[in-house]
Structure formats: C-alpha cells, structure tokens
Amino acid sequence: MSTIITISDNFLINKIYSFRGYKVMLDSDLSELYDVETKVLKQAVKRNIDIFPEHFMFELTEQEFQSLRSQIVTSKIGRGGTRYMPMVFTEHGVLQLANVLRSLKAKQIGIRIIEVFVRLRQAISENTELKLAIQDIKKKTENNTKNIELVFHYLDELLEKNEKPQIRNPIGYQLPKQNK
C-alpha cells in the first residue's frame, strides 16, 4: 500500500530557479524532497553521470552561485556551508534523478515535480498567447490611431472570449408549465 504525497504547487514553484535559459531545481532542495542527503544524491549522479547530459543537470559556476546566494538565504561558506558548487536539475534531470535514486518516495515526488513544471510551462504559454493577441490588436488599430474606441472594442472581445463560461443544458426531468 503506497501513501499519497501531497505538496502544494506554490511550494514547488518557489524551489524552481532560472539559470542558463533553463528552469531548474537545486540539488539541496531535491535531496530534501526525496528524503536523502545531498551528498548521497550527488554520489548517485556521479555514478551515473553518463545519463545526465548538460540539458538535464549542470553545476553552477561561482558567479551563478553568488547570484543564487543573494536571492535566497544559504549557509555561510566554510564551516557548515557548501563546499562544492550546487548541481541543478532541469525537468528531465529531475525525472532521471528519481529513477537513479530508485526509492518509491523519489519516484512519487519526481512525478509531482514534473506536473508542476508542465503547469508552469502551460502558464507561460498562455501568457505568450495573450501577448500575441494584444499585438494582433495593435496591428489592427495601427493605421487608425484616432479611433481609440476600436481598441477597446477589440480588447472587450478578447476578454469576453477568455471569460465565457461553459453553459450546459440542465439534466433531469422538467415539469411542463401550467397555464393559469
């Protein structure tokens, strides 16, 4: 009997950073989620380095690490701090890591993280679609700058298109109307 692991989307989204054009998660955050020591996680990766290409996992540079330290609170360098540059894992690397660690918890958490990456990508895509629609409106009104009402009309159409609720036919038996 397996237990269901519940972790909020927001919690996981707050663990995702952007480096080198990738959305990534830190080795220390993943080790905490997978319930293994960071040292064990890194050893597992190094033993299986051939299945972690750079677009799955890479080590941060010193400059990237300093940038990260300014964004989040980390322990001091030296005693009790990080001795090696953190590894970061892309969406594909997270899944590969869960397979390498082989624990049920790692696999369940890995799936959950992938779901959040997918939702994040969908949100970015929807935002891009909205931006493209607004650019299309701008193009339609470019030559007609005097008629600002046309712009609002197009924006209203766009908002109505995105906000129309799905109307369903009522289910069940309806009594016939009686004439009085």
Protein backbone atom coordinates (compact mmCIF):
# COMPACT_ATOMS: atom_id res chain seq x y z
CA MET A 1 0.00 0.00 0.00
CA SER A 2 1.53 3.30 -1.07
CA THR A 3 0.98 6.63 0.57
CA ILE A 4 -0.04 9.66 -1.43
CA ILE A 5 2.38 12.55 -1.20
CA THR A 6 0.84 16.00 -1.24
CA ILE A 7 3.00 19.02 -1.88
CA SER A 8 1.50 22.31 -2.99
CA ASP A 9 2.27 23.72 -6.43
CA ASN A 10 3.37 27.02 -4.87
CA PHE A 11 5.86 25.25 -2.59
CA LEU A 12 7.47 23.53 -5.58
CA ILE A 13 7.31 26.62 -7.81
CA ASN A 14 9.28 28.52 -5.15
CA LYS A 15 12.01 25.88 -5.50
CA ILE A 16 12.39 26.46 -9.25
CA TYR A 17 15.06 28.88 -10.48
CA SER A 18 16.19 30.02 -13.89
CA PHE A 19 19.81 29.50 -14.99
CA ARG A 20 21.31 29.39 -18.48
CA GLY A 21 17.86 29.55 -20.04
CA TYR A 22 16.58 26.51 -18.12
CA LYS A 23 14.08 26.20 -15.29
CA VAL A 24 15.96 24.18 -12.67
CA MET A 25 15.85 22.87 -9.12
CA LEU A 26 18.78 22.77 -6.69
CA ASP A 27 20.34 19.51 -5.54
CA SER A 28 19.79 20.51 -1.89
CA ASP A 29 16.07 21.14 -2.45
CA LEU A 30 15.67 17.86 -4.33
CA SER A 31 17.57 15.92 -1.67
CA GLU A 32 15.22 17.36 0.96
CA LEU A 33 12.16 16.44 -1.10
CA TYR A 34 13.48 12.96 -1.93
CA ASP A 35 14.46 12.47 1.73
CA VAL A 36 18.15 11.71 1.05
CA GLU A 37 21.31 13.57 1.99
CA THR A 38 22.66 15.94 -0.66
CA LYS A 39 25.93 14.01 -0.53
CA VAL A 40 24.10 10.77 -1.39
CA LEU A 41 22.23 12.47 -4.21
CA LYS A 42 25.46 13.85 -5.71
CA GLN A 43 27.17 10.45 -5.42
CA ALA A 44 24.27 8.80 -7.26
CA VAL A 45 24.56 11.36 -10.04
CA LYS A 46 28.35 10.96 -10.32
CA ARG A 47 27.98 7.15 -10.51
CA ASN A 48 25.50 7.63 -13.36
CA ILE A 49 26.94 10.76 -14.98
CA ASP A 50 26.54 9.28 -18.48
CA ILE A 51 22.73 9.60 -18.22
CA PHE A 52 22.84 13.25 -17.11
CA PRO A 53 23.71 15.38 -20.14
CA GLU A 54 24.09 19.12 -19.60
CA HIS A 55 20.48 19.84 -20.56
CA PHE A 56 19.43 17.51 -17.69
CA MET A 57 21.90 18.64 -15.00
CA PHE A 58 24.84 21.00 -14.58
CA GLU A 59 26.92 22.54 -11.78
CA LEU A 60 26.56 26.23 -11.12
CA THR A 61 29.55 28.47 -11.66
CA GLU A 62 30.89 30.56 -8.78
CA GLN A 63 29.20 33.66 -10.24
CA GLU A 64 25.85 31.85 -10.63
CA PHE A 65 26.16 30.55 -7.08
CA GLN A 66 26.78 34.08 -5.72
CA SER A 67 23.73 35.29 -7.65
CA LEU A 68 21.71 32.48 -6.10
CA ARG A 69 23.02 33.28 -2.61
CA SER A 70 21.78 36.85 -3.00
CA GLN A 71 18.29 35.56 -3.91
CA ILE A 72 17.96 33.02 -1.10
CA VAL A 73 19.39 32.61 2.36
CA THR A 74 22.09 29.92 2.40
CA SER A 75 24.60 28.87 4.99
CA LYS A 76 27.96 30.60 5.22
CA ILE A 77 30.83 29.37 3.11
CA GLY A 78 33.30 27.30 5.12
CA ARG A 79 32.29 25.56 8.29
CA GLY A 80 28.85 24.02 7.84
CA GLY A 81 28.45 25.63 4.41
CA THR A 82 28.58 24.41 0.85
CA ARG A 83 31.96 23.02 -0.14
CA TYR A 84 31.07 22.25 -3.75
CA MET A 85 29.07 24.18 -6.29
CA PRO A 86 25.44 23.08 -6.31
CA MET A 87 24.13 20.85 -9.05
CA VAL A 88 20.91 21.97 -10.66
CA PHE A 89 18.44 19.74 -12.47
CA THR A 90 16.09 20.57 -15.32
CA GLU A 91 12.68 18.95 -15.65
CA HIS A 92 14.26 15.97 -17.42
CA GLY A 93 17.03 15.75 -14.86
CA VAL A 94 14.51 15.63 -12.01
CA LEU A 95 12.86 12.59 -13.56
CA GLN A 96 16.19 10.93 -14.31
CA LEU A 97 17.31 11.56 -10.74
CA ALA A 98 14.16 9.95 -9.34
CA ASN A 99 14.92 6.85 -11.43
CA VAL A 100 18.55 6.74 -10.26
CA LEU A 101 17.58 7.03 -6.57
CA ARG A 102 15.05 4.19 -7.01
CA SER A 103 13.03 4.88 -3.88
CA LEU A 104 9.23 4.98 -4.06
CA LYS A 105 9.22 8.45 -2.47
CA ALA A 106 11.72 9.77 -5.03
CA LYS A 107 9.57 8.46 -7.87
CA GLN A 108 6.36 9.93 -6.43
CA ILE A 109 7.98 13.30 -5.74
CA GLY A 110 9.61 13.25 -9.17
CA ILE A 111 6.23 12.80 -10.85
CA ARG A 112 4.75 15.61 -8.74
CA ILE A 113 7.61 17.95 -9.69
CA ILE A 114 7.17 17.13 -13.38
CA GLU A 115 3.46 18.00 -13.09
CA VAL A 116 4.39 21.41 -11.68
CA PHE A 117 6.95 22.01 -14.44
CA VAL A 118 4.24 21.21 -17.01
CA ARG A 119 1.75 23.61 -15.34
CA LEU A 120 4.42 26.31 -15.24
CA ARG A 121 5.15 25.81 -18.94
CA GLN A 122 1.40 25.98 -19.73
CA ALA A 123 1.04 29.23 -17.78
CA ILE A 124 3.95 30.75 -19.69
CA SER A 125 2.43 29.56 -22.96
CA GLU A 126 -0.98 31.06 -22.13
CA ASN A 127 0.69 34.35 -21.22
CA THR A 128 2.51 34.32 -24.55
CA GLU A 129 -0.77 33.68 -26.41
CA LEU A 130 -2.35 36.66 -24.67
CA LYS A 131 0.61 38.88 -25.60
CA LEU A 132 0.36 37.75 -29.23
CA ALA A 133 -3.39 38.52 -29.25
CA ILE A 134 -2.73 42.02 -27.90
CA GLN A 135 -0.03 42.56 -30.54
CA ASP A 136 -2.54 41.48 -33.18
CA ILE A 137 -4.99 44.09 -31.87
CA LYS A 138 -2.26 46.74 -32.02
CA LYS A 139 -1.59 45.84 -35.66
CA LYS A 140 -5.31 46.11 -36.49
CA THR A 141 -5.51 49.60 -34.99
CA GLU A 142 -2.09 50.89 -36.08
CA ASN A 143 -3.40 52.89 -39.03
CA ASN A 144 -6.46 54.11 -37.18
CA THR A 145 -5.00 55.91 -34.15
CA LYS A 146 -7.89 58.38 -33.98
CA ASN A 147 -10.43 55.71 -33.22
CA ILE A 148 -9.38 54.56 -29.73
CA GLU A 149 -12.83 53.07 -29.18
CA LEU A 150 -11.95 50.40 -31.71
CA VAL A 151 -9.06 49.33 -29.48
CA PHE A 152 -11.38 48.97 -26.50
CA HIS A 153 -13.84 47.04 -28.64
CA TYR A 154 -11.13 44.54 -29.63
CA LEU A 155 -9.95 44.24 -26.02
CA ASP A 156 -13.52 43.63 -24.85
CA GLU A 157 -13.89 40.90 -27.47
CA LEU A 158 -10.68 39.29 -26.27
CA LEU A 159 -11.76 39.41 -22.63
CA GLU A 160 -15.21 38.02 -23.45
CA LYS A 161 -13.63 35.20 -25.41
CA ASN A 162 -11.49 34.23 -22.39
CA GLU A 163 -14.24 34.66 -19.79
CA LYS A 164 -17.22 32.92 -21.46
CA PRO A 165 -18.46 30.24 -19.08
CA GLN A 166 -19.37 26.86 -20.45
CA ILE A 167 -23.17 26.71 -20.47
CA ARG A 168 -24.59 23.24 -20.02
CA ASN A 169 -28.10 22.05 -20.65
CA PRO A 170 -29.89 21.16 -17.41
CA ILE A 171 -30.03 17.48 -16.63
CA GLY A 172 -33.16 15.81 -15.34
CA TYR A 173 -36.90 15.93 -15.85
CA GLN A 174 -38.66 19.29 -16.06
CA LEU A 175 -42.32 19.66 -15.21
CA PRO A 176 -44.43 21.10 -18.00
CA LYS A 177 -45.53 24.72 -17.45
CA GLN A 178 -49.16 25.07 -16.38
CA ASN A 179 -51.35 27.83 -17.80
CA LYS A 180 -53.33 29.76 -15.22
